[in-house]
C-alpha atoms as a PDB file:
ATOM      1  CA  MET A   1      -0.062  -0.012  -0.012  1.00  0.00           C
ATOM      2  CA  VAL A   2       1.204   3.792  -1.102  1.00  0.00           C
ATOM      3  CA  PRO A   3       1.663   5.902   2.154  1.00  0.00           C
ATOM      4  CA  LEU A   4      -0.449   8.913   2.231  1.00  0.00           C
ATOM      5  CA  ARG A   5       2.661  10.909   2.350  1.00  0.00           C
ATOM      6  CA  SER A   6       3.787   9.902  -1.346  1.00  0.00           C
ATOM      7  CA  ILE A   7       0.254  10.555  -2.560  1.00  0.00           C
ATOM      8  CA  ILE A   8       0.304  13.860  -1.297  1.00  0.00           C
ATOM      9  CA  LYS A   9       3.535  14.619  -2.882  1.00  0.00           C
ATOM     10  CA  GLU A  10       2.590  13.254  -6.149  1.00  0.00           C
ATOM     11  CA  ALA A  11      -0.561  15.452  -5.966  1.00  0.00           C
ATOM     12  CA  CYS A  12       1.502  18.506  -5.004  1.00  0.00           C
ATOM     13  CA  GLU A  13       3.855  17.717  -7.907  1.00  0.00           C
ATOM     14  CA  LYS A  14       1.351  17.622 -10.552  1.00  0.00           C
ATOM     15  CA  SER A  15      -0.530  20.460  -9.287  1.00  0.00           C
ATOM     16  CA  LEU A  16       2.485  22.694  -9.605  1.00  0.00           C
ATOM     17  CA  ILE A  17       3.233  21.768 -13.057  1.00  0.00           C
ATOM     18  CA  VAL A  18      -0.277  22.279 -14.159  1.00  0.00           C
ATOM     19  CA  ALA A  19      -0.048  25.565 -12.354  1.00  0.00           C
ATOM     20  CA  LYS A  20       2.990  26.508 -14.333  1.00  0.00           C
ATOM     21  CA  PHE A  21       1.201  25.744 -17.629  1.00  0.00           C
ATOM     22  CA  PHE A  22      -1.654  27.785 -16.858  1.00  0.00           C
ATOM     23  CA  CYS A  23       0.715  30.445 -16.027  1.00  0.00           C
ATOM     24  CA  VAL A  24       2.516  30.214 -19.451  1.00  0.00           C
ATOM     25  CA  LEU A  25      -1.004  30.141 -20.855  1.00  0.00           C
ATOM     26  CA  HIS A  26      -2.041  33.258 -19.276  1.00  0.00           C
ATOM     27  CA  VAL A  27       1.383  35.211 -20.051  1.00  0.00           C
ATOM     28  CA  THR A  28       1.137  33.873 -24.015  1.00  0.00           C
ATOM     29  CA  ASN A  29      -2.626  34.964 -24.105  1.00  0.00           C
ATOM     30  CA  LYS A  30      -2.139  38.553 -22.464  1.00  0.00           C
ATOM     31  CA  TYR A  31       1.040  39.842 -23.341  1.00  0.00           C
ATOM     32  CA  LEU A  32       2.223  37.830 -26.593  1.00  0.00           C
ATOM     33  CA  ILE A  33      -0.314  35.814 -28.904  1.00  0.00           C
ATOM     34  CA  ASP A  34      -3.754  35.734 -28.480  1.00  0.00           C
ATOM     35  CA  PRO A  35      -6.814  33.553 -30.374  1.00  0.00           C
ATOM     36  CA  VAL A  36      -9.599  35.700 -31.338  1.00  0.00           C
ATOM     37  CA  GLN A  37     -13.018  34.901 -33.051  1.00  0.00           C
ATOM     38  CA  THR A  38     -14.268  37.586 -35.436  1.00  0.00           C
ATOM     39  CA  ILE A  39     -18.141  37.470 -36.041  1.00  0.00           C
ATOM     40  CA  GLY A  40     -19.664  39.838 -38.571  1.00  0.00           C
ATOM     41  CA  PRO A  41     -19.752  41.822 -41.743  1.00  0.00           C
ATOM     42  CA  SER A  42     -17.628  44.802 -41.234  1.00  0.00           C
ATOM     43  CA  MET A  43     -14.624  43.454 -42.284  1.00  0.00           C
ATOM     44  CA  LEU A  44     -15.660  41.655 -45.344  1.00  0.00           C
ATOM     45  CA  PRO A  45     -14.270  40.641 -47.830  1.00  0.00           C
ATOM     46  CA  THR A  46     -10.800  40.501 -45.843  1.00  0.00           C
ATOM     47  CA  ILE A  47     -12.153  38.345 -42.999  1.00  0.00           C
ATOM     48  CA  ASP A  48     -15.229  35.799 -43.501  1.00  0.00           C
ATOM     49  CA  VAL A  49     -18.582  36.336 -42.162  1.00  0.00           C
ATOM     50  CA  THR A  50     -18.800  33.057 -40.444  1.00  0.00           C
ATOM     51  CA  PRO A  51     -17.234  32.835 -36.841  1.00  0.00           C
ATOM     52  CA  SER A  52     -13.835  31.824 -37.453  1.00  0.00           C
ATOM     53  CA  LEU A  53     -10.705  31.658 -34.940  1.00  0.00           C
ATOM     54  CA  TYR A  54      -7.846  33.722 -35.681  1.00  0.00           C
ATOM     55  CA  LEU A  55      -4.283  34.821 -34.046  1.00  0.00           C
ATOM     56  CA  ALA A  56      -3.631  38.136 -33.162  1.00  0.00           C
ATOM     57  CA  GLU A  57      -0.281  39.514 -31.531  1.00  0.00           C
ATOM     58  CA  ARG A  58       0.026  41.841 -28.482  1.00  0.00           C
ATOM     59  CA  ILE A  59       3.527  43.003 -28.729  1.00  0.00           C
ATOM     60  CA  SER A  60       3.657  45.675 -31.365  1.00  0.00           C
ATOM     61  CA  PRO A  61       0.604  47.770 -30.153  1.00  0.00           C
ATOM     62  CA  ARG A  62       2.193  47.773 -27.135  1.00  0.00           C
ATOM     63  CA  PHE A  63       5.332  49.479 -28.183  1.00  0.00           C
ATOM     64  CA  GLY A  64       3.375  51.979 -30.747  1.00  0.00           C
ATOM     65  CA  LYS A  65       4.211  49.667 -33.694  1.00  0.00           C
ATOM     66  CA  ALA A  66       0.808  49.382 -35.175  1.00  0.00           C
ATOM     67  CA  ALA A  67       1.131  50.596 -38.748  1.00  0.00           C
ATOM     68  CA  GLN A  68      -1.465  52.117 -40.907  1.00  0.00           C
ATOM     69  CA  GLY A  69      -2.940  49.707 -42.879  1.00  0.00           C
ATOM     70  CA  ASP A  70      -2.995  46.896 -39.984  1.00  0.00           C
ATOM     71  CA  ILE A  71      -6.052  45.164 -39.044  1.00  0.00           C
ATOM     72  CA  VAL A  72      -6.253  45.850 -35.278  1.00  0.00           C
ATOM     73  CA  ILE A  73      -8.426  44.414 -32.139  1.00  0.00           C
ATOM     74  CA  LEU A  74      -9.531  47.232 -30.143  1.00  0.00           C
ATOM     75  CA  ARG A  75     -11.917  47.923 -26.911  1.00  0.00           C
ATOM     76  CA  SER A  76     -14.965  49.740 -28.549  1.00  0.00           C
ATOM     77  CA  PRO A  77     -15.142  53.218 -27.817  1.00  0.00           C
ATOM     78  CA  ARG A  78     -18.904  53.039 -27.268  1.00  0.00           C
ATOM     79  CA  ASN A  79     -19.019  49.853 -25.502  1.00  0.00           C
ATOM     80  CA  PRO A  80     -15.759  49.057 -23.172  1.00  0.00           C
ATOM     81  CA  ARG A  81     -16.836  45.519 -22.670  1.00  0.00           C
ATOM     82  CA  MET A  82     -16.719  44.853 -26.371  1.00  0.00           C
ATOM     83  CA  CYS A  83     -13.923  44.042 -28.704  1.00  0.00           C
ATOM     84  CA  ILE A  84     -14.014  45.172 -32.504  1.00  0.00           C
ATOM     85  CA  THR A  85     -11.926  44.256 -35.291  1.00  0.00           C
ATOM     86  CA  LYS A  86     -11.146  47.286 -37.917  1.00  0.00           C
ATOM     87  CA  ARG A  87      -8.378  48.559 -40.358  1.00  0.00           C
ATOM     88  CA  LEU A  88      -5.925  51.216 -39.181  1.00  0.00           C
ATOM     89  CA  VAL A  89      -6.650  53.824 -41.599  1.00  0.00           C
ATOM     90  CA  GLY A  90      -4.737  56.878 -40.100  1.00  0.00           C
ATOM     91  CA  LEU A  91      -2.325  57.663 -37.335  1.00  0.00           C
ATOM     92  CA  GLU A  92      -2.042  61.131 -35.298  1.00  0.00           C
ATOM     93  CA  GLY A  93      -1.187  63.794 -37.419  1.00  0.00           C
ATOM     94  CA  ASP A  94      -2.730  62.307 -40.600  1.00  0.00           C
ATOM     95  CA  THR A  95      -5.235  63.830 -42.632  1.00  0.00           C
ATOM     96  CA  ILE A  96      -8.256  61.628 -43.209  1.00  0.00           C
ATOM     97  CA  THR A  97     -11.119  62.161 -46.147  1.00  0.00           C
ATOM     98  CA  TYR A  98     -13.832  59.892 -45.798  1.00  0.00           C
ATOM     99  CA  VAL A  99     -17.526  59.279 -47.108  1.00  0.00           C
ATOM    100  CA  ALA A 100     -19.567  60.262 -43.847  1.00  0.00           C
ATOM    101  CA  ASP A 101     -22.485  57.889 -44.824  1.00  0.00           C
ATOM    102  CA  PRO A 102     -21.990  55.676 -47.966  1.00  0.00           C
ATOM    103  CA  ASN A 103     -25.408  54.267 -47.637  1.00  0.00           C
ATOM    104  CA  LYS A 104     -26.858  57.897 -48.249  1.00  0.00           C
ATOM    105  CA  ASP A 105     -24.443  59.863 -50.361  1.00  0.00           C
ATOM    106  CA  ASP A 106     -20.876  60.415 -51.194  1.00  0.00           C
ATOM    107  CA  LYS A 107     -20.575  63.374 -49.337  1.00  0.00           C
ATOM    108  CA  GLN A 108     -17.095  63.624 -48.145  1.00  0.00           C
ATOM    109  CA  GLU A 109     -15.655  64.928 -44.969  1.00  0.00           C
ATOM    110  CA  THR A 110     -12.008  65.745 -43.872  1.00  0.00           C
ATOM    111  CA  VAL A 111     -10.545  65.370 -40.529  1.00  0.00           C
ATOM    112  CA  VAL A 112      -7.011  65.619 -38.837  1.00  0.00           C
ATOM    113  CA  VAL A 113      -6.328  62.674 -36.291  1.00  0.00           C
ATOM    114  CA  PRO A 114      -5.413  64.403 -32.878  1.00  0.00           C
ATOM    115  CA  LYS A 115      -2.069  63.464 -31.237  1.00  0.00           C
ATOM    116  CA  GLY A 116      -2.347  59.959 -29.468  1.00  0.00           C
ATOM    117  CA  HIS A 117      -5.253  58.826 -31.492  1.00  0.00           C
ATOM    118  CA  VAL A 118      -5.893  56.424 -34.651  1.00  0.00           C
ATOM    119  CA  TRP A 119      -8.561  56.642 -37.442  1.00  0.00           C
ATOM    120  CA  ILE A 120     -10.165  53.260 -38.040  1.00  0.00           C
ATOM    121  CA  GLU A 121     -12.569  51.784 -40.461  1.00  0.00           C
ATOM    122  CA  GLY A 122     -14.264  48.514 -41.426  1.00  0.00           C
ATOM    123  CA  ASP A 123     -13.196  47.044 -44.909  1.00  0.00           C
ATOM    124  CA  ASN A 124     -16.989  46.729 -45.640  1.00  0.00           C
ATOM    125  CA  LYS A 125     -17.819  50.527 -45.483  1.00  0.00           C
ATOM    126  CA  TYR A 126     -21.695  49.744 -45.969  1.00  0.00           C
ATOM    127  CA  LYS A 127     -21.779  47.661 -42.814  1.00  0.00           C
ATOM    128  CA  SER A 128     -19.109  49.037 -40.559  1.00  0.00           C
ATOM    129  CA  ASN A 129     -19.588  51.154 -37.212  1.00  0.00           C
ATOM    130  CA  ASP A 130     -16.302  52.771 -37.187  1.00  0.00           C
ATOM    131  CA  SER A 131     -14.438  56.227 -36.825  1.00  0.00           C
ATOM    132  CA  ARG A 132     -16.683  57.798 -39.507  1.00  0.00           C
ATOM    133  CA  ASN A 133     -19.334  57.170 -36.792  1.00  0.00           C
ATOM    134  CA  PHE A 134     -17.449  57.813 -33.548  1.00  0.00           C
ATOM    135  CA  GLY A 135     -14.399  59.900 -34.746  1.00  0.00           C
ATOM    136  CA  PRO A 136     -10.736  59.035 -33.941  1.00  0.00           C
ATOM    137  CA  VAL A 137     -10.266  56.737 -31.178  1.00  0.00           C
ATOM    138  CA  PRO A 138      -7.283  56.771 -28.543  1.00  0.00           C
ATOM    139  CA  TYR A 139      -4.608  54.586 -29.360  1.00  0.00           C
ATOM    140  CA  GLY A 140      -4.606  52.987 -26.018  1.00  0.00           C
ATOM    141  CA  LEU A 141      -7.740  51.258 -26.574  1.00  0.00           C
ATOM    142  CA  ILE A 142      -5.774  48.691 -29.518  1.00  0.00           C
ATOM    143  CA  GLU A 143      -4.989  45.431 -27.724  1.00  0.00           C
ATOM    144  CA  SER A 144      -3.614  43.295 -30.592  1.00  0.00           C
ATOM    145  CA  ARG A 145      -2.717  43.409 -34.020  1.00  0.00           C
ATOM    146  CA  TYR A 146      -4.380  40.505 -36.318  1.00  0.00           C
ATOM    147  CA  LEU A 147      -2.042  38.112 -37.818  1.00  0.00           C
ATOM    148  CA  HIS A 148      -4.127  37.141 -41.013  1.00  0.00           C
ATOM    149  CA  LEU A 149      -3.671  33.493 -39.763  1.00  0.00           C
ATOM    150  CA  LYS A 150      -6.897  31.512 -39.472  1.00  0.00           C
ATOM    151  CA  ILE A 151      -6.737  28.660 -36.879  1.00  0.00           C
ATOM    152  CA  LEU A 152     -10.392  27.249 -37.100  1.00  0.00           C
ATOM    153  CA  GLY A 153     -13.197  27.978 -39.282  1.00  0.00           C
ATOM    154  CA  ARG A 154     -15.948  26.210 -41.279  1.00  0.00           C
ATOM    155  CA  SER A 155     -13.998  23.135 -41.481  1.00  0.00           C
ATOM    156  CA  GLY A 156     -13.270  22.695 -37.943  1.00  0.00           C
ATOM    157  CA  ILE A 157      -9.914  21.846 -36.266  1.00  0.00           C
ATOM    158  CA  ASN A 158      -7.983  21.069 -39.514  1.00  0.00           C
ATOM    159  CA  ASP A 159      -5.803  18.606 -37.564  1.00  0.00           C
ATOM    160  CA  LEU A 160      -4.236  21.662 -35.850  1.00  0.00           C
ATOM    161  CA  LYS A 161      -2.785  22.952 -39.033  1.00  0.00           C
ATOM    162  CA  LEU A 162      -2.623  26.715 -39.468  1.00  0.00           C
ATOM    163  CA  SER A 163      -4.024  27.891 -42.966  1.00  0.00           C
ATOM    164  CA  ILE A 164      -2.512  31.094 -44.105  1.00  0.00           C
ATOM    165  CA  ILE A 165      -4.681  33.400 -45.439  1.00  0.00           C
ATOM    166  CA  LYS A 166      -2.316  36.436 -46.064  1.00  0.00           C
ATOM    167  CA  THR A 167       1.453  36.020 -45.138  1.00  0.00           C
ATOM    168  CA  TYR A 168       2.955  39.268 -43.614  1.00  0.00           C
ATOM    169  CA  HIS A 169       5.079  37.040 -40.855  1.00  0.00           C
ATOM    170  CA  LYS A 170       6.921  33.971 -41.428  1.00  0.00           C
ATOM    171  CA  LEU A 171       6.306  31.430 -38.340  1.00  0.00           C
ATOM    172  CA  ASP A 172       9.318  29.665 -37.354  1.00  0.00           C
ATOM    173  CA  THR A 173       8.872  26.306 -35.457  1.00  0.00           C
ATOM    174  CA  GLU A 174       8.611  27.680 -31.646  1.00  0.00           C
ATOM    175  CA  ALA A 175       5.904  29.934 -33.049  1.00  0.00           C
ATOM    176  CA  GLU A 176       3.935  27.258 -34.698  1.00  0.00           C
ATOM    177  CA  ILE A 177       4.250  24.939 -31.687  1.00  0.00           C
ATOM    178  CA  ILE A 178       2.674  27.925 -29.619  1.00  0.00           C
ATOM    179  CA  CYS A 179      -0.150  28.412 -32.217  1.00  0.00           C
ATOM    180  CA  ASN A 180      -0.986  24.574 -32.222  1.00  0.00           C
ATOM    181  CA  ALA A 181      -0.863  24.555 -28.254  1.00  0.00           C
ATOM    182  CA  LEU A 182      -3.304  27.781 -28.442  1.00  0.00           C
ATOM    183  CA  VAL A 183      -5.485  25.880 -31.006  1.00  0.00           C
ATOM    184  CA  PHE A 184      -6.051  22.791 -28.633  1.00  0.00           C
ATOM    185  CA  LEU A 185      -6.630  24.989 -25.661  1.00  0.00           C
ATOM    186  CA  TYR A 186      -9.210  27.219 -27.299  1.00  0.00           C
ATOM    187  CA  ARG A 187     -10.961  24.830 -29.529  1.00  0.00           C
ATOM    188  CA  GLY A 188     -14.179  26.736 -30.029  1.00  0.00           C
ATOM    189  CA  VAL A 189     -13.268  29.460 -27.608  1.00  0.00           C
ATOM    190  CA  GLY A 190     -12.845  32.939 -28.551  1.00  0.00           C
ATOM    191  CA  ARG A 191     -14.152  36.646 -28.143  1.00  0.00           C
ATOM    192  CA  ALA A 192     -16.707  37.909 -30.482  1.00  0.00           C
ATOM    193  CA  PHE A 193     -15.670  40.994 -32.558  1.00  0.00           C
END
C-alpha cells in the first residue's frame, strides 16, 4: 500500500506542473499571442462572415508599432466590454478624407487625427460602425494586431494545422508550436468582435 505522504507529494508535484502551465498560457495570451474569434460583416471581404478563430499578436501595439493598413483589435469606444476588429487607416497627424455615410450619399468630410489617436474603418464601408461614426479613437484602446492566420473555421480544427490566408509574417517552429497549443486549448472558444 502506498503511504499517504507519497500520494500527497505526487499530487502537489502534478498540481505545480498544471499551475506553471496555466501561468505560461496566461502570459502568452495576455502579452504575446491571443486567439480571437471574429463575427460579423464589417471586415468583408478580408475576414469571412462566418465565426472563425484567428491569431492576433499583442507585442507591436504595446510599443506603438501598429502601422497604417494593419488590422487591429481594440476596445469599442462606445462599449468597453466589447472588442471590435477594424483596419487602421490613419495615425496621429494624418489628414483623412472619408465618405460620412456611404449608404445615403457620397458627401466627403475631412478630419485631422489628433495626437494619441488613430482612425479606424471596416473594410465593408456599408456595414461598419467605425471612426466615421464615433471619430478618432485613443491609441490606448488597441489591444492586438491581427496576424491574418486562420486557425479554425467552417471545416473545424483542420488537424491543428494553420491555414495561412495572407502572409505578412513567417512563423518559425517555436511559433507554430505555440499556435498549435493555443488552438488545442481554445478549441471553439474565443471572443466576439
